[in-house]
Amino acid sequence: MLASKRSKLAAGGIIALVVLAVVLGGHATSTNLSLPDLSGSCSAKGTTFTTDVIADSLTSTQAWQLNITFTSSQVTPMSYTMGSLFTGTGTTTGAHNVTGSYVLGFTEIGSNPVTTTASTTLVTFTWKTLVYHASTLFHLVTSGSQRTALLDQSLNVQSITTTDGVYTCNLGPGR
């Protein structure tokens, strides 16, 4: 009888701990990285346009890498400009542009990681259309060795979600 009460009490305690962990763990947040929806962009061949990669917040971010894929027969990257929080002394970047993919990396060297609750521009890309009424999906790659990632001071990968972008003459949903 006493053993039965202890078992029930122990089971109740374990359930309470699990519920508490789920409730408290449910507040963990992911940073959303997004590219714009530029539906309705009916442009001539040779038109330049920009896309900002936006983080909705950052927590102790020491480094990041973006891997953006695009339709190389439709658009080509021309240049990039780092967001204001990612320039200056103690920062370094590296970029690699291959057909249909652009990988850009950033790190803070010897300085504090970036933390902000405000939406922040990581980088602005300038593109050029290669055809009349160009159309491309801008996809943030989230798997593989060259995936899009945010890293903390210990170079642990942080949790992210992504919102892909688009550049097209066609109107998107709700437009």
Protein backbone atom coordinates (compact mmCIF):
# COMPACT_ATOMS: atom_id res chain seq x y z
CA MET A 1 0.00 0.00 0.00
CA LEU A 2 2.78 2.42 0.97
CA ALA A 3 4.78 1.38 -2.10
CA SER A 4 1.73 2.04 -4.28
CA LYS A 5 1.38 5.58 -2.84
CA ARG A 6 5.08 6.24 -3.43
CA SER A 7 4.80 5.02 -7.03
CA LYS A 8 1.80 7.27 -7.65
CA LEU A 9 3.58 10.20 -6.03
CA ALA A 10 6.74 9.59 -8.08
CA ALA A 11 4.71 9.26 -11.28
CA GLY A 12 2.85 12.48 -10.46
CA GLY A 13 6.15 14.27 -9.83
CA ILE A 14 7.58 13.07 -13.15
CA ILE A 15 4.46 14.17 -15.02
CA ALA A 16 4.64 17.59 -13.34
CA LEU A 17 8.30 17.95 -14.38
CA VAL A 18 7.51 16.96 -17.97
CA VAL A 19 4.62 19.45 -18.14
CA LEU A 20 6.84 22.16 -16.67
CA ALA A 21 9.61 21.39 -19.17
CA VAL A 22 7.17 21.52 -22.08
CA VAL A 23 5.66 24.80 -20.90
CA LEU A 24 9.02 26.44 -20.25
CA GLY A 25 10.65 24.83 -23.28
CA GLY A 26 7.82 26.10 -25.45
CA HIS A 27 9.18 29.61 -25.07
CA ALA A 28 12.37 28.80 -26.96
CA THR A 29 12.44 30.90 -30.09
CA SER A 30 13.85 30.49 -33.54
CA THR A 31 15.14 33.37 -35.58
CA ASN A 32 13.29 33.75 -38.87
CA LEU A 33 15.46 34.70 -41.83
CA SER A 34 13.47 36.07 -44.74
CA LEU A 35 13.78 37.32 -48.29
CA PRO A 36 11.20 39.61 -49.93
CA ASP A 37 8.24 38.72 -52.13
CA LEU A 38 8.77 40.87 -55.22
CA SER A 39 5.80 39.49 -57.16
CA GLY A 40 4.59 41.88 -59.84
CA SER A 41 8.13 42.95 -60.78
CA CYS A 42 7.66 43.10 -64.55
CA SER A 43 11.08 44.24 -65.70
CA ALA A 44 13.20 44.60 -68.80
CA LYS A 45 16.39 42.65 -69.41
CA GLY A 46 19.27 44.35 -67.55
CA THR A 47 17.13 45.76 -64.72
CA THR A 48 18.86 45.88 -61.33
CA PHE A 49 17.03 45.29 -58.06
CA THR A 50 17.89 44.52 -54.44
CA THR A 51 16.85 41.92 -51.89
CA ASP A 52 17.44 42.26 -48.16
CA VAL A 53 17.99 39.18 -46.02
CA ILE A 54 16.21 40.06 -42.77
CA ALA A 55 16.55 38.39 -39.36
CA ASP A 56 13.54 39.04 -37.12
CA SER A 57 15.85 38.92 -34.06
CA LEU A 58 19.32 37.71 -33.11
CA THR A 59 20.57 36.21 -29.84
CA SER A 60 24.32 36.04 -29.16
CA THR A 61 25.09 35.59 -32.85
CA GLN A 62 28.86 35.43 -33.40
CA ALA A 63 28.82 34.23 -37.01
CA TRP A 64 26.43 33.38 -39.81
CA GLN A 65 26.37 31.83 -43.24
CA LEU A 66 23.78 32.25 -45.96
CA ASN A 67 23.33 29.97 -48.93
CA ILE A 68 20.84 31.42 -51.40
CA THR A 69 19.86 29.59 -54.55
CA PHE A 70 18.33 31.32 -57.57
CA THR A 71 17.60 30.68 -61.25
CA SER A 72 20.88 31.61 -62.94
CA SER A 73 19.32 31.86 -66.41
CA GLN A 74 16.98 34.59 -65.10
CA VAL A 75 19.07 36.73 -62.71
CA THR A 76 22.70 37.19 -61.70
CA PRO A 77 24.15 38.63 -58.47
CA MET A 78 26.07 41.88 -58.97
CA SER A 79 27.18 42.81 -55.44
CA TYR A 80 26.29 42.70 -51.78
CA THR A 81 26.35 45.21 -48.91
CA MET A 82 26.54 44.04 -45.31
CA GLY A 83 23.90 45.25 -42.86
CA SER A 84 24.96 47.99 -40.44
CA LEU A 85 25.47 45.60 -37.50
CA PHE A 86 27.93 43.53 -39.54
CA THR A 87 30.56 46.03 -40.65
CA GLY A 88 33.61 47.65 -39.08
CA THR A 89 36.59 46.58 -37.04
CA GLY A 90 36.60 42.99 -35.87
CA THR A 91 34.39 41.63 -38.64
CA THR A 92 35.23 39.48 -41.62
CA THR A 93 33.23 38.14 -44.55
CA GLY A 94 33.73 35.63 -47.30
CA ALA A 95 31.66 35.05 -50.42
CA HIS A 96 31.44 32.33 -53.04
CA ASN A 97 29.24 32.70 -56.11
CA VAL A 98 28.65 29.65 -58.29
CA THR A 99 26.02 29.10 -60.93
CA GLY A 100 22.66 29.29 -59.19
CA SER A 101 24.01 29.59 -55.64
CA TYR A 102 25.56 32.35 -53.54
CA VAL A 103 27.23 31.51 -50.22
CA LEU A 104 28.15 34.38 -47.92
CA GLY A 105 29.74 34.03 -44.49
CA PHE A 106 30.29 36.52 -41.68
CA THR A 107 32.04 36.40 -38.31
CA GLU A 108 32.80 38.74 -35.42
CA ILE A 109 36.46 38.40 -34.46
CA GLY A 110 37.43 39.56 -30.99
CA SER A 111 34.20 41.45 -30.43
CA ASN A 112 30.88 40.81 -28.78
CA PRO A 113 28.19 38.73 -30.48
CA VAL A 114 25.11 40.47 -31.85
CA THR A 115 21.89 40.42 -29.84
CA THR A 116 18.82 42.39 -30.90
CA THR A 117 15.05 41.96 -30.72
CA ALA A 118 14.56 44.27 -33.69
CA SER A 119 14.36 43.13 -37.31
CA THR A 120 17.86 43.43 -38.73
CA THR A 121 19.25 43.39 -42.26
CA LEU A 122 22.04 40.83 -42.50
CA VAL A 123 22.93 41.73 -46.08
CA THR A 124 21.50 43.42 -49.17
CA PHE A 125 22.13 41.74 -52.51
CA THR A 126 22.01 43.63 -55.81
CA TRP A 127 20.84 41.52 -58.76
CA LYS A 128 20.49 42.05 -62.50
CA THR A 129 17.84 40.47 -64.69
CA LEU A 130 19.13 38.48 -67.66
CA VAL A 131 15.81 38.22 -69.51
CA TYR A 132 12.62 40.18 -70.07
CA HIS A 133 10.16 39.53 -67.19
CA ALA A 134 12.68 37.52 -65.17
CA SER A 135 11.33 35.03 -62.65
CA THR A 136 13.22 33.35 -59.82
CA LEU A 137 12.69 31.88 -56.39
CA PHE A 138 15.30 32.95 -53.83
CA HIS A 139 15.69 29.93 -51.56
CA LEU A 140 17.63 29.84 -48.28
CA VAL A 141 19.26 26.40 -48.17
CA THR A 142 18.88 24.82 -44.71
CA SER A 143 20.64 21.47 -45.11
CA GLY A 144 24.07 20.24 -46.10
CA SER A 145 27.55 21.48 -45.26
CA GLN A 146 26.98 24.90 -46.85
CA ARG A 147 23.57 25.48 -45.31
CA THR A 148 22.22 28.75 -44.01
CA ALA A 149 23.08 28.96 -40.31
CA LEU A 150 23.48 31.29 -37.34
CA LEU A 151 26.22 30.43 -34.82
CA ASP A 152 26.68 31.46 -31.20
CA GLN A 153 30.01 32.22 -29.42
CA SER A 154 30.77 28.51 -29.06
CA LEU A 155 29.95 28.02 -32.75
CA ASN A 156 26.81 26.06 -31.89
CA VAL A 157 24.18 26.21 -34.62
CA GLN A 158 21.18 28.27 -33.50
CA SER A 159 17.58 27.45 -34.32
CA ILE A 160 16.23 29.19 -37.44
CA THR A 161 13.23 29.21 -39.71
CA THR A 162 13.32 30.65 -43.21
CA THR A 163 10.99 32.46 -45.57
CA ASP A 164 12.02 32.25 -49.20
CA GLY A 165 11.66 35.18 -51.56
CA VAL A 166 10.56 35.58 -55.15
CA TYR A 167 11.09 37.94 -58.06
CA THR A 168 8.50 37.54 -60.79
CA CYS A 169 6.13 39.42 -63.06
CA ASN A 170 3.27 37.22 -61.85
CA LEU A 171 1.27 38.53 -58.92
CA GLY A 172 1.53 36.53 -55.72
CA PRO A 173 -1.37 35.41 -53.53
CA GLY A 174 -3.48 38.24 -52.16
CA ARG A 175 -2.25 40.82 -54.66
